[in-house]
Amino acid sequence: MNDAPENSQAEKATIPDTAQESENTVYTYTSAGVAERQGNVPIWLWVVMISLVIWGLYYLVVYWNAPLVQL
């Protein structure tokens, strides 16, 4: 298994010296054919994740009933 960058992208796959170069860095895993690059999480996905956490906390508080201890 060889996960080294392809020859055509060898320049892009090296570790950049400046932050500006790091935005364009692409690393290709040749064994899987997958390209890796820097990316941001879209705002709509942040909204979905936060909504799920809030809903989960609401569900936990409202619907979780601890067993009552009867003596």
N, C-alpha and C. Protein backbone atom coordinates (compact mmCIF):
# COMPACT_ATOMS: atom_id res chain seq x y z
N MET A 1 0.85 -1.16 0.00
CA MET A 1 0.00 0.00 0.00
C MET A 1 0.90 1.23 0.00
N ASN A 2 0.70 2.08 -0.96
CA ASN A 2 1.53 3.28 -1.09
C ASN A 2 0.64 4.50 -0.98
N ASP A 3 0.80 5.26 0.09
CA ASP A 3 -0.01 6.46 0.28
C ASP A 3 0.79 7.73 0.01
N ALA A 4 1.78 7.63 -0.81
CA ALA A 4 2.58 8.80 -1.17
C ALA A 4 1.85 9.61 -2.24
N PRO A 5 2.12 10.90 -2.33
CA PRO A 5 1.46 11.71 -3.34
C PRO A 5 1.91 11.32 -4.74
N GLU A 6 1.03 11.52 -5.71
CA GLU A 6 1.37 11.23 -7.09
C GLU A 6 2.41 12.22 -7.56
N ASN A 7 3.13 11.85 -8.63
CA ASN A 7 4.18 12.72 -9.14
C ASN A 7 3.64 14.06 -9.60
N SER A 8 2.45 14.08 -10.19
CA SER A 8 1.90 15.34 -10.69
C SER A 8 1.52 16.29 -9.56
N GLN A 9 1.31 15.76 -8.36
CA GLN A 9 0.91 16.61 -7.25
C GLN A 9 1.96 16.64 -6.15
N ALA A 10 3.17 16.28 -6.48
CA ALA A 10 4.23 16.23 -5.47
C ALA A 10 4.51 17.61 -4.88
N GLU A 11 4.44 18.64 -5.71
CA GLU A 11 4.69 19.99 -5.22
C GLU A 11 3.59 20.43 -4.27
N LYS A 12 2.35 20.07 -4.57
CA LYS A 12 1.21 20.48 -3.75
C LYS A 12 1.15 19.70 -2.44
N ALA A 13 1.70 18.50 -2.41
CA ALA A 13 1.56 17.64 -1.24
C ALA A 13 2.64 17.89 -0.19
N THR A 14 3.65 18.70 -0.50
CA THR A 14 4.67 18.98 0.49
C THR A 14 4.13 19.92 1.54
N ILE A 15 4.77 19.93 2.69
CA ILE A 15 4.34 20.80 3.78
C ILE A 15 4.69 22.24 3.42
N PRO A 16 3.70 23.12 3.37
CA PRO A 16 3.96 24.51 2.95
C PRO A 16 4.67 25.30 4.05
N ASP A 17 5.41 26.34 3.62
CA ASP A 17 6.12 27.19 4.56
C ASP A 17 5.25 28.34 5.05
N THR A 18 4.26 28.74 4.26
CA THR A 18 3.42 29.87 4.65
C THR A 18 1.97 29.43 4.73
N ALA A 19 1.17 30.22 5.43
CA ALA A 19 -0.25 29.89 5.59
C ALA A 19 -0.99 30.03 4.26
N GLN A 20 -0.55 30.92 3.40
CA GLN A 20 -1.22 31.11 2.12
C GLN A 20 -1.09 29.86 1.25
N GLU A 21 0.05 29.22 1.28
CA GLU A 21 0.24 28.00 0.50
C GLU A 21 -0.57 26.84 1.05
N SER A 22 -0.83 26.83 2.36
CA SER A 22 -1.54 25.71 2.96
C SER A 22 -2.99 25.63 2.51
N GLU A 23 -3.57 26.73 2.04
CA GLU A 23 -4.96 26.70 1.56
C GLU A 23 -5.11 25.88 0.29
N ASN A 24 -4.05 25.76 -0.48
CA ASN A 24 -4.12 25.05 -1.76
C ASN A 24 -3.48 23.67 -1.69
N THR A 25 -3.15 23.18 -0.52
CA THR A 25 -2.49 21.89 -0.38
C THR A 25 -3.47 20.76 -0.63
N VAL A 26 -3.09 19.86 -1.53
CA VAL A 26 -3.91 18.68 -1.82
C VAL A 26 -3.01 17.45 -1.72
N TYR A 27 -3.46 16.47 -0.97
CA TYR A 27 -2.73 15.22 -0.81
C TYR A 27 -3.61 14.09 -1.33
N THR A 28 -3.07 13.28 -2.22
CA THR A 28 -3.84 12.19 -2.82
C THR A 28 -3.32 10.85 -2.31
N TYR A 29 -4.23 10.05 -1.75
CA TYR A 29 -3.90 8.69 -1.34
C TYR A 29 -4.06 7.81 -2.57
N THR A 30 -2.95 7.37 -3.15
CA THR A 30 -2.99 6.65 -4.42
C THR A 30 -3.66 5.29 -4.28
N SER A 31 -3.53 4.64 -3.13
CA SER A 31 -4.13 3.31 -2.98
C SER A 31 -5.65 3.37 -2.95
N ALA A 32 -6.21 4.48 -2.46
CA ALA A 32 -7.67 4.61 -2.37
C ALA A 32 -8.23 5.56 -3.40
N GLY A 33 -7.40 6.41 -3.97
CA GLY A 33 -7.87 7.39 -4.94
C GLY A 33 -8.64 8.53 -4.30
N VAL A 34 -8.31 8.84 -3.05
CA VAL A 34 -9.00 9.88 -2.30
C VAL A 34 -8.09 11.09 -2.18
N ALA A 35 -8.65 12.27 -2.44
CA ALA A 35 -7.87 13.51 -2.30
C ALA A 35 -8.24 14.17 -0.99
N GLU A 36 -7.24 14.65 -0.26
CA GLU A 36 -7.44 15.30 1.02
C GLU A 36 -7.06 16.77 0.87
N ARG A 37 -7.93 17.65 1.35
CA ARG A 37 -7.62 19.08 1.29
C ARG A 37 -8.24 19.77 2.49
N GLN A 38 -7.87 21.02 2.72
CA GLN A 38 -8.42 21.80 3.80
C GLN A 38 -9.85 22.21 3.43
N GLY A 39 -10.78 22.08 4.35
CA GLY A 39 -12.15 22.45 4.08
C GLY A 39 -12.82 23.01 5.32
N ASN A 40 -13.89 23.74 5.11
CA ASN A 40 -14.66 24.32 6.21
C ASN A 40 -16.00 23.62 6.32
N VAL A 41 -16.55 23.62 7.51
CA VAL A 41 -17.88 23.05 7.73
C VAL A 41 -18.90 24.12 7.37
N PRO A 42 -19.87 23.80 6.48
CA PRO A 42 -20.88 24.79 6.09
C PRO A 42 -21.75 25.21 7.28
N ILE A 43 -22.28 26.42 7.20
CA ILE A 43 -23.10 26.97 8.28
C ILE A 43 -24.34 26.12 8.51
N TRP A 44 -24.97 25.63 7.45
CA TRP A 44 -26.19 24.85 7.61
C TRP A 44 -25.91 23.57 8.40
N LEU A 45 -24.70 23.00 8.24
CA LEU A 45 -24.37 21.79 8.98
C LEU A 45 -24.13 22.10 10.45
N TRP A 46 -23.54 23.26 10.76
CA TRP A 46 -23.40 23.69 12.15
C TRP A 46 -24.78 23.84 12.79
N VAL A 47 -25.74 24.42 12.05
CA VAL A 47 -27.10 24.59 12.58
C VAL A 47 -27.73 23.23 12.87
N VAL A 48 -27.54 22.28 11.98
CA VAL A 48 -28.09 20.93 12.18
C VAL A 48 -27.46 20.27 13.41
N MET A 49 -26.15 20.38 13.56
CA MET A 49 -25.48 19.75 14.70
C MET A 49 -25.93 20.37 16.02
N ILE A 50 -26.02 21.68 16.08
CA ILE A 50 -26.45 22.36 17.30
C ILE A 50 -27.90 22.03 17.62
N SER A 51 -28.75 21.97 16.58
CA SER A 51 -30.15 21.62 16.78
C SER A 51 -30.29 20.21 17.35
N LEU A 52 -29.50 19.27 16.86
CA LEU A 52 -29.56 17.90 17.37
C LEU A 52 -29.11 17.82 18.82
N VAL A 53 -28.11 18.58 19.19
CA VAL A 53 -27.67 18.59 20.58
C VAL A 53 -28.75 19.17 21.49
N ILE A 54 -29.35 20.28 21.06
CA ILE A 54 -30.43 20.90 21.86
C ILE A 54 -31.61 19.96 21.97
N TRP A 55 -32.00 19.33 20.87
CA TRP A 55 -33.12 18.39 20.90
C TRP A 55 -32.81 17.21 21.81
N GLY A 56 -31.57 16.71 21.75
CA GLY A 56 -31.18 15.58 22.59
C GLY A 56 -31.25 15.93 24.08
N LEU A 57 -30.81 17.13 24.43
CA LEU A 57 -30.91 17.56 25.82
C LEU A 57 -32.36 17.73 26.25
N TYR A 58 -33.19 18.30 25.39
CA TYR A 58 -34.62 18.44 25.68
C TYR A 58 -35.26 17.07 25.90
N TYR A 59 -34.98 16.14 25.01
CA TYR A 59 -35.55 14.79 25.10
C TYR A 59 -35.09 14.11 26.38
N LEU A 60 -33.82 14.29 26.74
CA LEU A 60 -33.29 13.69 27.96
C LEU A 60 -34.00 14.22 29.19
N VAL A 61 -34.23 15.52 29.25
CA VAL A 61 -34.85 16.13 30.42
C VAL A 61 -36.33 15.80 30.51
N VAL A 62 -37.05 15.86 29.38
CA VAL A 62 -38.51 15.71 29.41
C VAL A 62 -38.93 14.25 29.50
N TYR A 63 -38.28 13.36 28.76
CA TYR A 63 -38.78 12.00 28.64
C TYR A 63 -38.02 10.95 29.43
N TRP A 64 -36.91 11.32 30.05
CA TRP A 64 -36.18 10.33 30.83
C TRP A 64 -36.76 10.30 32.23
N ASN A 65 -37.28 9.16 32.60
CA ASN A 65 -37.87 8.98 33.91
C ASN A 65 -37.01 8.01 34.71
N ALA A 66 -36.43 8.55 35.75
CA ALA A 66 -35.64 7.70 36.62
C ALA A 66 -36.56 6.80 37.42
N PRO A 67 -36.15 5.58 37.68
CA PRO A 67 -37.00 4.69 38.47
C PRO A 67 -37.15 5.23 39.89
N LEU A 68 -38.36 5.17 40.39
CA LEU A 68 -38.63 5.65 41.74
C LEU A 68 -38.26 4.55 42.74
N VAL A 69 -37.66 4.95 43.80
CA VAL A 69 -37.26 4.01 44.86
C VAL A 69 -38.42 3.90 45.84
N GLN A 70 -38.94 2.70 46.01
CA GLN A 70 -40.03 2.48 46.95
C GLN A 70 -39.50 1.69 48.13
N LEU A 71 -39.78 2.21 49.28
CA LEU A 71 -39.30 1.54 50.50
C LEU A 71 -40.37 0.67 51.10
